[in-house]
């Protein structure tokens, strides 16, 4: 019976597919490595090494696990699941450097207990022999003199200026009409922001409300969502700008972009609400839900 060739372990390509899967999820969302590096403060060189499974470039596994966790969190993936997959793949891959063996009870180095003569003290300089209280007193006296001189100069300057002014009895004060101040319209402090999103075509959306992430997924055509915030909304990423129809507190928002266009970091706050309100004459196009 002919000898059969040995088969490779089932998980020999697990590490390679792990990096490729992270890259594929990133490209689906239209996110660049530079954007992830800026947000997570991880070197772009290490992020590229994770996607290529280049373990000569990556640091120790304990640091690489942290990179994988931050990478997955930014993409909206299950961080613990991705870290566990990396651990499983790394333990069965010979390319990953294992930590060196450490002796459990290392021997303590021999201490040198030979007595040494005390260090010789030299005679301190004259500056160090001066009493510290005297130095403080001299500084205080100098500061008082400087303040007194400044006060005298200011008083003399005011006297010269008063001599140059004409007498108030000989100068007629003009009568200036005072116009009534008209208060500028402003958004009430307690008025919240309400953002209505109607999905016309499928689009990947990452949205924050007051700094808290509320959407990080693909929205399907026909979906209608409403979000509330106190200060501002931030669209971190919109994968298909023409796929969303927005209204802010009932006022229509101009289209974010064209078909298939990817936009990032678009903010809608109280200033944007005032601009929309002025453009529509203060009347919303539809009632807020």
C-alpha atoms as a PDB file:
ATOM      1  CA  UNK A   1       0.000   0.000   0.000  1.00  0.00           C
ATOM      2  CA  UNK A   2       1.686   3.322  -1.013  1.00  0.00           C
ATOM      3  CA  UNK A   3       2.618   5.770   1.670  1.00  0.00           C
ATOM      4  CA  UNK A   4       0.267   8.740   1.988  1.00  0.00           C
ATOM      5  CA  UNK A   5       1.664  12.234   2.226  1.00  0.00           C
ATOM      6  CA  UNK A   6       1.152  13.831   5.690  1.00  0.00           C
ATOM      7  CA  UNK A   7      -1.579  16.449   5.726  1.00  0.00           C
ATOM      8  CA  UNK A   8      -1.049  19.944   7.187  1.00  0.00           C
ATOM      9  CA  UNK A   9      -2.915  20.795  10.377  1.00  0.00           C
ATOM     10  CA  UNK A  10      -6.418  22.194   9.838  1.00  0.00           C
ATOM     11  CA  UNK A  11      -5.488  25.507  11.429  1.00  0.00           C
ATOM     12  CA  UNK A  12      -2.208  26.127   9.552  1.00  0.00           C
ATOM     13  CA  UNK A  13      -3.796  28.978   7.545  1.00  0.00           C
ATOM     14  CA  UNK A  14      -5.838  30.390  10.423  1.00  0.00           C
ATOM     15  CA  UNK A  15      -3.405  33.261  11.074  1.00  0.00           C
ATOM     16  CA  UNK A  16      -3.271  34.237   7.401  1.00  0.00           C
ATOM     17  CA  UNK A  17      -7.069  34.272   7.056  1.00  0.00           C
ATOM     18  CA  UNK A  18      -7.296  36.259  10.306  1.00  0.00           C
ATOM     19  CA  UNK A  19      -5.349  39.228   8.879  1.00  0.00           C
ATOM     20  CA  UNK A  20      -7.156  38.987   5.546  1.00  0.00           C
ATOM     21  CA  UNK A  21     -10.538  39.089   7.302  1.00  0.00           C
ATOM     22  CA  UNK A  22      -9.609  42.284   9.181  1.00  0.00           C
ATOM     23  CA  UNK A  23      -8.534  43.905   5.912  1.00  0.00           C
ATOM     24  CA  UNK A  24     -11.747  42.803   4.162  1.00  0.00           C
ATOM     25  CA  UNK A  25     -13.970  44.207   6.954  1.00  0.00           C
ATOM     26  CA  UNK A  26     -12.070  47.510   6.799  1.00  0.00           C
ATOM     27  CA  UNK A  27     -12.436  47.825   3.012  1.00  0.00           C
ATOM     28  CA  UNK A  28     -16.176  47.027   3.187  1.00  0.00           C
ATOM     29  CA  UNK A  29     -16.634  50.018   5.488  1.00  0.00           C
ATOM     30  CA  UNK A  30     -14.526  52.304   3.292  1.00  0.00           C
ATOM     31  CA  UNK A  31     -12.073  53.041   6.128  1.00  0.00           C
ATOM     32  CA  UNK A  32      -8.371  53.704   5.492  1.00  0.00           C
ATOM     33  CA  UNK A  33      -5.455  52.520   7.628  1.00  0.00           C
ATOM     34  CA  UNK A  34      -4.513  56.169   8.244  1.00  0.00           C
ATOM     35  CA  UNK A  35      -7.939  56.848   9.778  1.00  0.00           C
ATOM     36  CA  UNK A  36      -7.558  53.872  12.146  1.00  0.00           C
ATOM     37  CA  UNK A  37      -3.981  54.863  13.023  1.00  0.00           C
ATOM     38  CA  UNK A  38      -5.036  58.444  13.848  1.00  0.00           C
ATOM     39  CA  UNK A  39      -7.970  57.273  16.000  1.00  0.00           C
ATOM     40  CA  UNK A  40      -6.202  54.453  17.899  1.00  0.00           C
ATOM     41  CA  UNK A  41      -2.670  56.003  18.035  1.00  0.00           C
ATOM     42  CA  UNK A  42      -1.261  52.709  16.666  1.00  0.00           C
ATOM     43  CA  UNK A  43       1.539  52.961  14.102  1.00  0.00           C
ATOM     44  CA  UNK A  44       0.319  52.403  10.564  1.00  0.00           C
ATOM     45  CA  UNK A  45       3.333  50.101  10.066  1.00  0.00           C
ATOM     46  CA  UNK A  46       2.001  47.752  12.778  1.00  0.00           C
ATOM     47  CA  UNK A  47      -1.544  47.838  11.321  1.00  0.00           C
ATOM     48  CA  UNK A  48      -0.192  46.849   7.905  1.00  0.00           C
ATOM     49  CA  UNK A  49       1.848  44.071   9.546  1.00  0.00           C
ATOM     50  CA  UNK A  50      -1.311  42.715  11.243  1.00  0.00           C
ATOM     51  CA  UNK A  51      -3.113  42.539   7.891  1.00  0.00           C
ATOM     52  CA  UNK A  52      -0.064  40.883   6.230  1.00  0.00           C
ATOM     53  CA  UNK A  53       0.644  38.601   9.239  1.00  0.00           C
ATOM     54  CA  UNK A  54       4.208  39.951   9.232  1.00  0.00           C
ATOM     55  CA  UNK A  55       5.392  38.769  12.653  1.00  0.00           C
ATOM     56  CA  UNK A  56       8.945  39.964  12.110  1.00  0.00           C
ATOM     57  CA  UNK A  57       7.621  43.539  12.178  1.00  0.00           C
ATOM     58  CA  UNK A  58       5.034  43.078  14.982  1.00  0.00           C
ATOM     59  CA  UNK A  59       6.084  43.349  18.651  1.00  0.00           C
ATOM     60  CA  UNK A  60       5.466  40.685  21.308  1.00  0.00           C
ATOM     61  CA  UNK A  61       2.030  38.947  21.253  1.00  0.00           C
ATOM     62  CA  UNK A  62       0.915  40.787  24.403  1.00  0.00           C
ATOM     63  CA  UNK A  63       1.193  44.090  22.494  1.00  0.00           C
ATOM     64  CA  UNK A  64      -0.204  42.643  19.255  1.00  0.00           C
ATOM     65  CA  UNK A  65      -3.359  41.529  21.123  1.00  0.00           C
ATOM     66  CA  UNK A  66      -3.901  45.166  22.150  1.00  0.00           C
ATOM     67  CA  UNK A  67      -3.541  46.262  18.521  1.00  0.00           C
ATOM     68  CA  UNK A  68      -6.103  43.646  17.407  1.00  0.00           C
ATOM     69  CA  UNK A  69      -8.543  44.708  20.149  1.00  0.00           C
ATOM     70  CA  UNK A  70      -8.410  48.429  19.183  1.00  0.00           C
ATOM     71  CA  UNK A  71      -8.558  47.594  15.450  1.00  0.00           C
ATOM     72  CA  UNK A  72     -11.693  45.434  15.930  1.00  0.00           C
ATOM     73  CA  UNK A  73     -13.373  47.989  18.238  1.00  0.00           C
ATOM     74  CA  UNK A  74     -12.976  50.770  15.643  1.00  0.00           C
ATOM     75  CA  UNK A  75     -14.535  48.550  12.945  1.00  0.00           C
ATOM     76  CA  UNK A  76     -17.457  47.654  15.225  1.00  0.00           C
ATOM     77  CA  UNK A  77     -16.486  43.973  15.486  1.00  0.00           C
ATOM     78  CA  UNK A  78     -16.644  41.706  18.563  1.00  0.00           C
ATOM     79  CA  UNK A  79     -13.287  42.532  20.193  1.00  0.00           C
ATOM     80  CA  UNK A  80     -13.049  39.498  22.479  1.00  0.00           C
ATOM     81  CA  UNK A  81     -13.928  37.099  19.667  1.00  0.00           C
ATOM     82  CA  UNK A  82     -11.256  38.583  17.390  1.00  0.00           C
ATOM     83  CA  UNK A  83      -8.614  38.489  20.147  1.00  0.00           C
ATOM     84  CA  UNK A  84      -9.468  34.847  20.921  1.00  0.00           C
ATOM     85  CA  UNK A  85      -9.116  33.977  17.243  1.00  0.00           C
ATOM     86  CA  UNK A  86      -5.715  35.658  17.140  1.00  0.00           C
ATOM     87  CA  UNK A  87      -4.604  33.798  20.307  1.00  0.00           C
ATOM     88  CA  UNK A  88      -5.691  30.438  18.869  1.00  0.00           C
ATOM     89  CA  UNK A  89      -3.916  31.113  15.579  1.00  0.00           C
ATOM     90  CA  UNK A  90      -0.751  32.481  17.236  1.00  0.00           C
ATOM     91  CA  UNK A  91      -0.375  29.486  19.577  1.00  0.00           C
ATOM     92  CA  UNK A  92      -0.389  27.097  16.594  1.00  0.00           C
ATOM     93  CA  UNK A  93       1.891  29.124  14.320  1.00  0.00           C
ATOM     94  CA  UNK A  94       5.658  28.564  14.413  1.00  0.00           C
ATOM     95  CA  UNK A  95       6.296  32.064  13.041  1.00  0.00           C
ATOM     96  CA  UNK A  96       5.141  33.670  16.292  1.00  0.00           C
ATOM     97  CA  UNK A  97       8.037  34.150  18.705  1.00  0.00           C
ATOM     98  CA  UNK A  98       7.391  32.425  22.060  1.00  0.00           C
ATOM     99  CA  UNK A  99       8.493  34.118  25.308  1.00  0.00           C
ATOM    100  CA  UNK A 100      11.835  32.825  26.662  1.00  0.00           C
ATOM    101  CA  UNK A 101      11.913  30.437  29.621  1.00  0.00           C
ATOM    102  CA  UNK A 102      12.457  32.249  32.921  1.00  0.00           C
ATOM    103  CA  UNK A 103      14.012  30.465  35.883  1.00  0.00           C
ATOM    104  CA  UNK A 104      11.472  30.199  38.683  1.00  0.00           C
ATOM    105  CA  UNK A 105      13.931  30.840  41.505  1.00  0.00           C
ATOM    106  CA  UNK A 106      16.874  32.846  40.094  1.00  0.00           C
ATOM    107  CA  UNK A 107      19.928  33.136  42.271  1.00  0.00           C
ATOM    108  CA  UNK A 108      20.513  36.521  43.893  1.00  0.00           C
ATOM    109  CA  UNK A 109      23.719  38.327  42.845  1.00  0.00           C
ATOM    110  CA  UNK A 110      26.554  38.531  45.356  1.00  0.00           C
ATOM    111  CA  UNK A 111      26.490  41.858  47.201  1.00  0.00           C
ATOM    112  CA  UNK A 112      29.675  43.759  47.904  1.00  0.00           C
ATOM    113  CA  UNK A 113      29.585  44.629  51.644  1.00  0.00           C
ATOM    114  CA  UNK A 114      33.099  46.087  51.825  1.00  0.00           C
ATOM    115  CA  UNK A 115      32.927  49.274  53.976  1.00  0.00           C
ATOM    116  CA  UNK A 116      33.731  52.491  52.134  1.00  0.00           C
ATOM    117  CA  UNK A 117      35.096  55.704  53.660  1.00  0.00           C
ATOM    118  CA  UNK A 118      32.630  58.605  53.906  1.00  0.00           C
ATOM    119  CA  UNK A 119      32.726  61.239  51.171  1.00  0.00           C
ATOM    120  CA  UNK A 120      34.792  64.311  51.970  1.00  0.00           C
ATOM    121  CA  UNK A 121      32.902  67.547  52.409  1.00  0.00           C
ATOM    122  CA  UNK A 122      34.448  70.665  51.056  1.00  0.00           C
ATOM    123  CA  UNK A 123      34.058  74.200  52.392  1.00  0.00           C
ATOM    124  CA  UNK A 124      30.827  75.734  50.978  1.00  0.00           C
ATOM    125  CA  UNK A 125      31.110  78.894  48.916  1.00  0.00           C
ATOM    126  CA  UNK A 126      30.275  82.327  50.320  1.00  0.00           C
ATOM    127  CA  UNK A 127      26.942  82.386  48.422  1.00  0.00           C
ATOM    128  CA  UNK A 128      25.701  79.272  50.213  1.00  0.00           C
ATOM    129  CA  UNK A 129      26.810  80.553  53.609  1.00  0.00           C
ATOM    130  CA  UNK A 130      24.511  83.615  53.370  1.00  0.00           C
ATOM    131  CA  UNK A 131      21.439  83.344  55.562  1.00  0.00           C
ATOM    132  CA  UNK A 132      18.344  82.514  53.483  1.00  0.00           C
ATOM    133  CA  UNK A 133      16.206  84.990  55.465  1.00  0.00           C
ATOM    134  CA  UNK A 134      18.452  87.824  54.369  1.00  0.00           C
ATOM    135  CA  UNK A 135      18.002  86.919  50.723  1.00  0.00           C
ATOM    136  CA  UNK A 136      14.208  86.836  51.099  1.00  0.00           C
ATOM    137  CA  UNK A 137      14.225  90.223  52.864  1.00  0.00           C
ATOM    138  CA  UNK A 138      16.287  91.822  50.073  1.00  0.00           C
ATOM    139  CA  UNK A 139      13.873  90.479  47.430  1.00  0.00           C
ATOM    140  CA  UNK A 140      10.829  91.821  49.298  1.00  0.00           C
ATOM    141  CA  UNK A 141      12.373  95.273  49.687  1.00  0.00           C
ATOM    142  CA  UNK A 142      13.221  95.372  45.981  1.00  0.00           C
ATOM    143  CA  UNK A 143       9.640  94.392  45.055  1.00  0.00           C
ATOM    144  CA  UNK A 144       8.174  97.120  47.323  1.00  0.00           C
ATOM    145  CA  UNK A 145      10.428  99.735  45.767  1.00  0.00           C
ATOM    146  CA  UNK A 146       9.391  98.690  42.254  1.00  0.00           C
ATOM    147  CA  UNK A 147       5.662  98.858  43.145  1.00  0.00           C
ATOM    148  CA  UNK A 148       6.051 102.310  44.759  1.00  0.00           C
ATOM    149  CA  UNK A 149       7.908 103.676  41.729  1.00  0.00           C
ATOM    150  CA  UNK A 150       5.202 102.333  39.370  1.00  0.00           C
ATOM    151  CA  UNK A 151       2.430 103.954  41.464  1.00  0.00           C
ATOM    152  CA  UNK A 152       4.184 107.347  41.402  1.00  0.00           C
ATOM    153  CA  UNK A 153       4.618 107.172  37.619  1.00  0.00           C
ATOM    154  CA  UNK A 154       0.933 106.342  37.124  1.00  0.00           C
ATOM    155  CA  UNK A 155      -0.193 109.232  39.334  1.00  0.00           C
ATOM    156  CA  UNK A 156       2.034 111.714  37.481  1.00  0.00           C
ATOM    157  CA  UNK A 157       0.738 110.467  34.132  1.00  0.00           C
ATOM    158  CA  UNK A 158      -2.895 110.955  35.232  1.00  0.00           C
ATOM    159  CA  UNK A 159      -2.095 114.496  36.435  1.00  0.00           C
ATOM    160  CA  UNK A 160      -0.503 115.488  33.109  1.00  0.00           C
ATOM    161  CA  UNK A 161      -3.426 114.038  31.194  1.00  0.00           C
ATOM    162  CA  UNK A 162      -5.977 115.953  33.321  1.00  0.00           C
ATOM    163  CA  UNK A 163      -4.129 119.253  32.695  1.00  0.00           C
ATOM    164  CA  UNK A 164      -4.408 118.777  28.931  1.00  0.00           C
ATOM    165  CA  UNK A 165      -8.200 118.216  29.016  1.00  0.00           C
ATOM    166  CA  UNK A 166     -10.523 121.304  28.649  1.00  0.00           C
ATOM    167  CA  UNK A 167     -12.869 122.236  31.460  1.00  0.00           C
ATOM    168  CA  UNK A 168     -16.092 120.248  31.423  1.00  0.00           C
ATOM    169  CA  UNK A 169     -18.081 123.470  32.073  1.00  0.00           C
ATOM    170  CA  UNK A 170     -16.986 124.928  28.718  1.00  0.00           C
ATOM    171  CA  UNK A 171     -17.637 121.828  26.628  1.00  0.00           C
ATOM    172  CA  UNK A 172     -21.208 121.117  25.563  1.00  0.00           C
ATOM    173  CA  UNK A 173     -22.115 117.497  25.616  1.00  0.00           C
ATOM    174  CA  UNK A 174     -23.836 116.433  22.380  1.00  0.00           C
ATOM    175  CA  UNK A 175     -27.157 114.689  22.701  1.00  0.00           C
ATOM    176  CA  UNK A 176     -26.914 111.246  21.097  1.00  0.00           C
ATOM    177  CA  UNK A 177     -30.180 109.386  20.505  1.00  0.00           C
ATOM    178  CA  UNK A 178     -30.128 105.872  21.932  1.00  0.00           C
ATOM    179  CA  UNK A 179     -31.693 103.226  19.732  1.00  0.00           C
ATOM    180  CA  UNK A 180     -33.540 100.387  21.320  1.00  0.00           C
ATOM    181  CA  UNK A 181     -31.586  97.125  21.215  1.00  0.00           C
ATOM    182  CA  UNK A 182     -33.315  94.422  19.216  1.00  0.00           C
ATOM    183  CA  UNK A 183     -32.528  90.971  20.617  1.00  0.00           C
ATOM    184  CA  UNK A 184     -31.182  88.524  18.042  1.00  0.00           C
ATOM    185  CA  UNK A 185     -33.106  85.304  17.590  1.00  0.00           C
ATOM    186  CA  UNK A 186     -31.380  82.325  19.131  1.00  0.00           C
ATOM    187  CA  UNK A 187     -32.086  78.676  19.772  1.00  0.00           C
ATOM    188  CA  UNK A 188     -33.635  77.997  23.157  1.00  0.00           C
ATOM    189  CA  UNK A 189     -31.062  76.468  25.514  1.00  0.00           C
ATOM    190  CA  UNK A 190     -33.413  73.626  26.436  1.00  0.00           C
ATOM    191  CA  UNK A 191     -34.366  72.803  22.825  1.00  0.00           C
ATOM    192  CA  UNK A 192     -32.964  69.409  21.874  1.00  0.00           C
ATOM    193  CA  UNK A 193     -31.731  68.312  18.459  1.00  0.00           C
ATOM    194  CA  UNK A 194     -33.712  65.659  16.572  1.00  0.00           C
ATOM    195  CA  UNK A 195     -32.231  64.062  13.475  1.00  0.00           C
ATOM    196  CA  UNK A 196     -34.516  62.023  11.198  1.00  0.00           C
ATOM    197  CA  UNK A 197     -32.797  59.642   8.761  1.00  0.00           C
ATOM    198  CA  UNK A 198     -34.654  58.122   5.789  1.00  0.00           C
ATOM    199  CA  UNK A 199     -32.590  55.503   3.905  1.00  0.00           C
ATOM    200  CA  UNK A 200     -33.182  55.748   0.154  1.00  0.00           C
ATOM    201  CA  UNK A 201     -30.393  53.298  -0.829  1.00  0.00           C
ATOM    202  CA  UNK A 202     -28.165  50.958   1.183  1.00  0.00           C
ATOM    203  CA  UNK A 203     -25.392  52.850   2.970  1.00  0.00           C
ATOM    204  CA  UNK A 204     -22.837  52.160   5.671  1.00  0.00           C
ATOM    205  CA  UNK A 205     -23.263  54.731   8.497  1.00  0.00           C
ATOM    206  CA  UNK A 206     -21.177  55.555  11.590  1.00  0.00           C
ATOM    207  CA  UNK A 207     -23.041  58.216  13.648  1.00  0.00           C
ATOM    208  CA  UNK A 208     -22.305  59.793  17.064  1.00  0.00           C
ATOM    209  CA  UNK A 209     -24.767  61.788  19.214  1.00  0.00           C
ATOM    210  CA  UNK A 210     -23.091  64.067  21.816  1.00  0.00           C
ATOM    211  CA  UNK A 211     -19.910  61.989  21.473  1.00  0.00           C
ATOM    212  CA  UNK A 212     -21.732  58.644  22.004  1.00  0.00           C
ATOM    213  CA  UNK A 213     -21.857  56.175  19.118  1.00  0.00           C
ATOM    214  CA  UNK A 214     -25.461  55.353  18.132  1.00  0.00           C
ATOM    215  CA  UNK A 215     -25.000  53.713  14.699  1.00  0.00           C
ATOM    216  CA  UNK A 216     -22.115  51.666  13.308  1.00  0.00           C
ATOM    217  CA  UNK A 217     -23.669  49.358  10.712  1.00  0.00           C
ATOM    218  CA  UNK A 218     -25.140  49.137   7.211  1.00  0.00           C
ATOM    219  CA  UNK A 219     -28.598  50.721   6.882  1.00  0.00           C
ATOM    220  CA  UNK A 220     -30.941  49.184   4.335  1.00  0.00           C
ATOM    221  CA  UNK A 221     -33.160  51.035   1.857  1.00  0.00           C
ATOM    222  CA  UNK A 222     -36.565  51.807   3.373  1.00  0.00           C
ATOM    223  CA  UNK A 223     -35.291  52.185   6.965  1.00  0.00           C
ATOM    224  CA  UNK A 224     -36.375  55.266   8.930  1.00  0.00           C
ATOM    225  CA  UNK A 225     -34.545  56.196  12.123  1.00  0.00           C
ATOM    226  CA  UNK A 226     -34.800  59.149  14.525  1.00  0.00           C
ATOM    227  CA  UNK A 227     -32.021  60.201  16.944  1.00  0.00           C
ATOM    228  CA  UNK A 228     -31.865  62.842  19.691  1.00  0.00           C
ATOM    229  CA  UNK A 229     -28.951  64.887  21.065  1.00  0.00           C
ATOM    230  CA  UNK A 230     -28.376  67.908  23.278  1.00  0.00           C
ATOM    231  CA  UNK A 231     -25.452  69.526  21.451  1.00  0.00           C
ATOM    232  CA  UNK A 232     -24.420  67.901  18.159  1.00  0.00           C
ATOM    233  CA  UNK A 233     -24.533  64.936  15.751  1.00  0.00           C
ATOM    234  CA  UNK A 234     -21.354  63.723  13.991  1.00  0.00           C
ATOM    235  CA  UNK A 235     -21.407  61.483  10.903  1.00  0.00           C
ATOM    236  CA  UNK A 236     -17.985  59.845  11.136  1.00  0.00           C
ATOM    237  CA  UNK A 237     -18.540  57.834   7.944  1.00  0.00           C
ATOM    238  CA  UNK A 238     -21.304  57.553   5.324  1.00  0.00           C
ATOM    239  CA  UNK A 239     -20.495  54.919   2.690  1.00  0.00           C
ATOM    240  CA  UNK A 240     -23.102  56.114   0.143  1.00  0.00           C
ATOM    241  CA  UNK A 241     -23.770  59.839   0.639  1.00  0.00           C
ATOM    242  CA  UNK A 242     -26.724  59.980  -1.782  1.00  0.00           C
ATOM    243  CA  UNK A 243     -28.461  57.121   0.013  1.00  0.00           C
ATOM    244  CA  UNK A 244     -29.602  59.228   3.030  1.00  0.00           C
ATOM    245  CA  UNK A 245     -32.346  61.867   3.320  1.00  0.00           C
ATOM    246  CA  UNK A 246     -31.973  63.958   6.500  1.00  0.00           C
ATOM    247  CA  UNK A 247     -34.114  66.454   8.433  1.00  0.00           C
ATOM    248  CA  UNK A 248     -32.906  68.347  11.525  1.00  0.00           C
ATOM    249  CA  UNK A 249     -35.771  69.390  13.852  1.00  0.00           C
ATOM    250  CA  UNK A 250     -38.086  69.204  10.840  1.00  0.00           C
ATOM    251  CA  UNK A 251     -35.883  71.328   8.545  1.00  0.00           C
ATOM    252  CA  UNK A 252     -34.628  69.505   5.407  1.00  0.00           C
ATOM    253  CA  UNK A 253     -30.859  69.030   5.049  1.00  0.00           C
ATOM    254  CA  UNK A 254     -29.127  69.312   1.679  1.00  0.00           C
ATOM    255  CA  UNK A 255     -27.917  65.998   0.235  1.00  0.00           C
ATOM    256  CA  UNK A 256     -24.615  64.902   1.801  1.00  0.00           C
ATOM    257  CA  UNK A 257     -23.050  63.929  -1.536  1.00  0.00           C
ATOM    258  CA  UNK A 258     -23.303  61.944  -4.754  1.00  0.00           C
ATOM    259  CA  UNK A 259     -24.089  58.320  -5.516  1.00  0.00           C
ATOM    260  CA  UNK A 260     -21.382  56.022  -4.065  1.00  0.00           C
ATOM    261  CA  UNK A 261     -19.494  58.960  -2.539  1.00  0.00           C
ATOM    262  CA  UNK A 262     -17.888  58.391   0.885  1.00  0.00           C
ATOM    263  CA  UNK A 263     -17.989  61.340   3.326  1.00  0.00           C
ATOM    264  CA  UNK A 264     -16.454  61.668   6.769  1.00  0.00           C
ATOM    265  CA  UNK A 265     -16.698  63.949   9.806  1.00  0.00           C
ATOM    266  CA  UNK A 266     -19.883  65.894   8.914  1.00  0.00           C
ATOM    267  CA  UNK A 267     -21.316  67.757  11.960  1.00  0.00           C
ATOM    268  CA  UNK A 268     -24.879  68.991  12.598  1.00  0.00           C
ATOM    269  CA  UNK A 269     -25.152  71.185  15.722  1.00  0.00           C
ATOM    270  CA  UNK A 270     -27.171  74.198  16.926  1.00  0.00           C
ATOM    271  CA  UNK A 271     -25.368  76.524  14.497  1.00  0.00           C
ATOM    272  CA  UNK A 272     -26.375  74.244  11.611  1.00  0.00           C
ATOM    273  CA  UNK A 273     -29.975  74.265  12.900  1.00  0.00           C
ATOM    274  CA  UNK A 274     -30.011  78.081  12.888  1.00  0.00           C
ATOM    275  CA  UNK A 275     -28.681  78.102   9.293  1.00  0.00           C
ATOM    276  CA  UNK A 276     -31.411  75.697   8.147  1.00  0.00           C
ATOM    277  CA  UNK A 277     -34.065  77.689  10.025  1.00  0.00           C
ATOM    278  CA  UNK A 278     -32.985  80.971   8.389  1.00  0.00           C
ATOM    279  CA  UNK A 279     -32.898  79.371   4.931  1.00  0.00           C
ATOM    280  CA  UNK A 280     -36.473  78.110   5.261  1.00  0.00           C
ATOM    281  CA  UNK A 281     -37.887  81.274   6.831  1.00  0.00           C
ATOM    282  CA  UNK A 282     -38.265  79.671  10.249  1.00  0.00           C
ATOM    283  CA  UNK A 283     -40.969  77.237   9.125  1.00  0.00           C
ATOM    284  CA  UNK A 284     -40.064  73.525   9.131  1.00  0.00           C
ATOM    285  CA  UNK A 285     -40.920  71.473   6.068  1.00  0.00           C
ATOM    286  CA  UNK A 286     -42.509  68.769   8.235  1.00  0.00           C
ATOM    287  CA  UNK A 287     -43.469  68.208  11.845  1.00  0.00           C
ATOM    288  CA  UNK A 288     -40.889  66.505  14.078  1.00  0.00           C
ATOM    289  CA  UNK A 289     -41.882  63.008  15.109  1.00  0.00           C
END
